[in-house]
Amino acid sequence: MQLFLQLNLAAPADPMTGTVGDTNWSANVTAYPKSMSPHQPATAWAGTYTMLFPPDTTALRSCRYGYGLGTIGPNGGLNI
């Protein structure tokens, strides 16, 4: 599965757009930015999340799934 995102750095308030999918299907993705501040914290999303990384099916050798943890802070920042 692949995820492609486009971000306009000249206009950071614009949404990110792109696609997610593989050779059999794809779906459009739109992500709208949300401003976080001490007066408007990201408490609804703050916490630790598990991320799953699928294997690279084009690799010459056998690969397995990988995983990691990411933490979203009250300012909306992601630490991996």
N, C-alpha and C. Protein backbone atom coordinates (compact mmCIF):
# COMPACT_ATOMS: atom_id res chain seq x y z
N MET A 1 0.85 -1.16 0.00
CA MET A 1 0.00 0.00 0.00
C MET A 1 0.90 1.24 0.00
N GLN A 2 0.48 2.26 -0.70
CA GLN A 2 1.25 3.49 -0.78
C GLN A 2 0.36 4.68 -0.47
N LEU A 3 0.96 5.69 0.13
CA LEU A 3 0.28 6.94 0.44
C LEU A 3 1.07 8.06 -0.20
N PHE A 4 0.40 8.86 -1.01
CA PHE A 4 1.01 10.02 -1.64
C PHE A 4 0.26 11.26 -1.17
N LEU A 5 0.98 12.23 -0.61
CA LEU A 5 0.37 13.47 -0.14
C LEU A 5 1.05 14.65 -0.79
N GLN A 6 0.26 15.68 -1.06
CA GLN A 6 0.79 16.93 -1.61
C GLN A 6 0.46 18.04 -0.63
N LEU A 7 1.48 18.83 -0.29
CA LEU A 7 1.33 19.91 0.67
C LEU A 7 1.83 21.20 0.04
N ASN A 8 1.02 22.25 0.10
CA ASN A 8 1.41 23.54 -0.44
C ASN A 8 2.06 24.35 0.68
N LEU A 9 3.39 24.38 0.71
CA LEU A 9 4.10 25.09 1.78
C LEU A 9 3.92 26.60 1.69
N ALA A 10 3.58 27.10 0.51
CA ALA A 10 3.34 28.54 0.36
C ALA A 10 2.00 28.95 0.96
N ALA A 11 1.10 27.99 1.10
CA ALA A 11 -0.22 28.26 1.69
C ALA A 11 -0.54 27.14 2.67
N PRO A 12 0.08 27.15 3.88
CA PRO A 12 -0.08 26.04 4.82
C PRO A 12 -1.51 25.84 5.31
N ALA A 13 -2.40 26.81 5.11
CA ALA A 13 -3.80 26.64 5.52
C ALA A 13 -4.58 25.81 4.51
N ASP A 14 -4.02 25.60 3.31
CA ASP A 14 -4.68 24.76 2.30
C ASP A 14 -4.63 23.30 2.73
N PRO A 15 -5.62 22.51 2.33
CA PRO A 15 -5.61 21.08 2.71
C PRO A 15 -4.53 20.31 1.97
N MET A 16 -4.07 19.21 2.60
CA MET A 16 -3.21 18.26 1.91
C MET A 16 -4.11 17.36 1.09
N THR A 17 -3.68 17.02 -0.10
CA THR A 17 -4.45 16.13 -0.95
C THR A 17 -3.54 15.01 -1.43
N GLY A 18 -4.13 13.92 -1.85
CA GLY A 18 -3.34 12.82 -2.36
C GLY A 18 -4.17 11.58 -2.57
N THR A 19 -3.48 10.43 -2.60
CA THR A 19 -4.14 9.14 -2.79
C THR A 19 -3.51 8.10 -1.88
N VAL A 20 -4.28 7.07 -1.58
CA VAL A 20 -3.80 5.90 -0.85
C VAL A 20 -4.31 4.68 -1.60
N GLY A 21 -3.48 3.63 -1.67
CA GLY A 21 -3.93 2.43 -2.36
C GLY A 21 -2.79 1.54 -2.79
N ASP A 22 -3.12 0.60 -3.66
CA ASP A 22 -2.13 -0.30 -4.23
C ASP A 22 -2.47 -0.51 -5.70
N THR A 23 -1.99 -1.60 -6.29
CA THR A 23 -2.24 -1.82 -7.72
C THR A 23 -3.68 -2.20 -8.02
N ASN A 24 -4.46 -2.61 -7.00
CA ASN A 24 -5.84 -3.05 -7.22
C ASN A 24 -6.88 -1.98 -6.93
N TRP A 25 -6.56 -1.00 -6.10
CA TRP A 25 -7.54 0.03 -5.73
C TRP A 25 -6.82 1.29 -5.28
N SER A 26 -7.53 2.38 -5.29
CA SER A 26 -6.99 3.62 -4.73
C SER A 26 -8.15 4.49 -4.26
N ALA A 27 -7.85 5.38 -3.34
CA ALA A 27 -8.85 6.30 -2.81
C ALA A 27 -8.22 7.67 -2.65
N ASN A 28 -8.99 8.70 -2.91
CA ASN A 28 -8.51 10.06 -2.71
C ASN A 28 -8.46 10.38 -1.23
N VAL A 29 -7.49 11.19 -0.84
CA VAL A 29 -7.32 11.60 0.55
C VAL A 29 -7.27 13.12 0.60
N THR A 30 -8.01 13.69 1.53
CA THR A 30 -7.94 15.13 1.79
C THR A 30 -7.81 15.32 3.29
N ALA A 31 -6.79 16.05 3.71
CA ALA A 31 -6.56 16.30 5.13
C ALA A 31 -6.53 17.81 5.35
N TYR A 32 -7.40 18.27 6.21
CA TYR A 32 -7.48 19.70 6.50
C TYR A 32 -6.65 20.03 7.74
N PRO A 33 -5.81 21.05 7.66
CA PRO A 33 -4.99 21.42 8.82
C PRO A 33 -5.85 22.00 9.94
N LYS A 34 -5.43 21.76 11.14
CA LYS A 34 -6.11 22.31 12.31
C LYS A 34 -5.06 23.01 13.15
N SER A 35 -5.30 24.26 13.46
CA SER A 35 -4.36 25.03 14.28
C SER A 35 -4.53 24.67 15.74
N MET A 36 -3.42 24.44 16.41
CA MET A 36 -3.43 24.16 17.83
C MET A 36 -2.66 25.27 18.54
N SER A 37 -3.10 25.59 19.73
CA SER A 37 -2.44 26.63 20.52
C SER A 37 -2.75 26.36 21.98
N PRO A 38 -2.10 27.08 22.90
CA PRO A 38 -2.44 26.90 24.32
C PRO A 38 -3.91 27.18 24.61
N HIS A 39 -4.54 28.04 23.80
CA HIS A 39 -5.95 28.35 24.00
C HIS A 39 -6.87 27.35 23.29
N GLN A 40 -6.31 26.59 22.36
CA GLN A 40 -7.07 25.59 21.61
C GLN A 40 -6.21 24.32 21.48
N PRO A 41 -6.00 23.59 22.58
CA PRO A 41 -5.10 22.44 22.55
C PRO A 41 -5.69 21.25 21.79
N ALA A 42 -4.82 20.31 21.46
CA ALA A 42 -5.21 19.10 20.72
C ALA A 42 -5.56 17.98 21.69
N THR A 43 -6.23 18.30 22.77
CA THR A 43 -6.49 17.28 23.80
C THR A 43 -7.33 16.12 23.29
N ALA A 44 -8.18 16.34 22.30
CA ALA A 44 -9.00 15.24 21.77
C ALA A 44 -8.14 14.20 21.05
N TRP A 45 -6.97 14.58 20.55
CA TRP A 45 -6.11 13.66 19.80
C TRP A 45 -4.82 13.34 20.54
N ALA A 46 -4.53 14.03 21.62
CA ALA A 46 -3.28 13.80 22.34
C ALA A 46 -3.24 12.39 22.89
N GLY A 47 -2.08 11.77 22.79
CA GLY A 47 -1.91 10.41 23.30
C GLY A 47 -0.88 9.65 22.49
N THR A 48 -0.72 8.38 22.79
CA THR A 48 0.24 7.52 22.11
C THR A 48 -0.53 6.56 21.20
N TYR A 49 -0.04 6.43 19.98
CA TYR A 49 -0.69 5.59 18.97
C TYR A 49 0.31 4.60 18.41
N THR A 50 -0.18 3.41 18.05
CA THR A 50 0.64 2.40 17.39
C THR A 50 0.49 2.56 15.89
N MET A 51 1.61 2.56 15.18
CA MET A 51 1.61 2.66 13.72
C MET A 51 2.10 1.34 13.14
N LEU A 52 1.45 0.87 12.10
CA LEU A 52 1.82 -0.38 11.45
C LEU A 52 2.40 -0.06 10.07
N PHE A 53 3.57 -0.62 9.79
CA PHE A 53 4.24 -0.41 8.51
C PHE A 53 4.23 -1.72 7.75
N PRO A 54 3.53 -1.78 6.60
CA PRO A 54 3.46 -3.03 5.85
C PRO A 54 4.80 -3.36 5.19
N PRO A 55 5.03 -4.64 4.87
CA PRO A 55 6.29 -5.02 4.23
C PRO A 55 6.38 -4.49 2.81
N ASP A 56 7.59 -4.36 2.34
CA ASP A 56 7.83 -3.95 0.96
C ASP A 56 7.73 -5.19 0.08
N THR A 57 6.66 -5.28 -0.68
CA THR A 57 6.43 -6.48 -1.50
C THR A 57 7.35 -6.53 -2.72
N THR A 58 8.06 -5.43 -2.99
CA THR A 58 8.98 -5.44 -4.14
C THR A 58 10.40 -5.81 -3.73
N ALA A 59 10.64 -6.06 -2.44
CA ALA A 59 11.98 -6.40 -1.96
C ALA A 59 12.39 -7.77 -2.47
N LEU A 60 13.69 -7.94 -2.66
CA LEU A 60 14.20 -9.22 -3.15
C LEU A 60 14.16 -10.29 -2.08
N ARG A 61 14.19 -9.89 -0.82
CA ARG A 61 14.13 -10.87 0.26
C ARG A 61 12.83 -10.71 1.03
N SER A 62 12.50 -11.69 1.80
CA SER A 62 11.26 -11.68 2.57
C SER A 62 11.29 -10.57 3.63
N CYS A 63 10.23 -9.81 3.70
CA CYS A 63 10.12 -8.75 4.70
C CYS A 63 8.90 -9.00 5.56
N ARG A 64 8.90 -8.44 6.74
CA ARG A 64 7.76 -8.57 7.64
C ARG A 64 7.22 -7.19 7.98
N TYR A 65 6.07 -7.20 8.62
CA TYR A 65 5.49 -5.95 9.06
C TYR A 65 6.36 -5.33 10.15
N GLY A 66 6.38 -4.01 10.18
CA GLY A 66 7.06 -3.29 11.24
C GLY A 66 6.04 -2.47 12.00
N TYR A 67 6.42 -2.00 13.16
CA TYR A 67 5.51 -1.17 13.93
C TYR A 67 6.31 -0.14 14.71
N GLY A 68 5.63 0.86 15.17
CA GLY A 68 6.26 1.91 15.96
C GLY A 68 5.21 2.64 16.76
N LEU A 69 5.67 3.46 17.66
CA LEU A 69 4.79 4.28 18.48
C LEU A 69 4.97 5.74 18.12
N GLY A 70 3.88 6.46 18.09
CA GLY A 70 3.91 7.90 17.85
C GLY A 70 3.09 8.58 18.93
N THR A 71 3.57 9.71 19.40
CA THR A 71 2.86 10.45 20.43
C THR A 71 2.45 11.81 19.91
N ILE A 72 1.17 12.13 20.03
CA ILE A 72 0.66 13.45 19.66
C ILE A 72 0.55 14.26 20.95
N GLY A 73 1.23 15.40 20.96
CA GLY A 73 1.21 16.28 22.13
C GLY A 73 0.05 17.26 22.09
N PRO A 74 -0.17 17.99 23.17
CA PRO A 74 -1.28 18.94 23.21
C PRO A 74 -1.17 20.08 22.20
N ASN A 75 0.04 20.29 21.66
CA ASN A 75 0.22 21.32 20.64
C ASN A 75 -0.05 20.79 19.23
N GLY A 76 -0.38 19.48 19.11
CA GLY A 76 -0.66 18.88 17.82
C GLY A 76 0.55 18.29 17.14
N GLY A 77 1.74 18.42 17.75
CA GLY A 77 2.96 17.88 17.17
C GLY A 77 3.05 16.38 17.33
N LEU A 78 3.66 15.71 16.35
CA LEU A 78 3.83 14.25 16.38
C LEU A 78 5.27 13.93 16.63
N ASN A 79 5.54 13.09 17.63
CA ASN A 79 6.88 12.58 17.91
C ASN A 79 6.88 11.08 17.66
N ILE A 80 7.86 10.62 16.87
CA ILE A 80 7.94 9.20 16.54
C ILE A 80 9.16 8.61 17.21
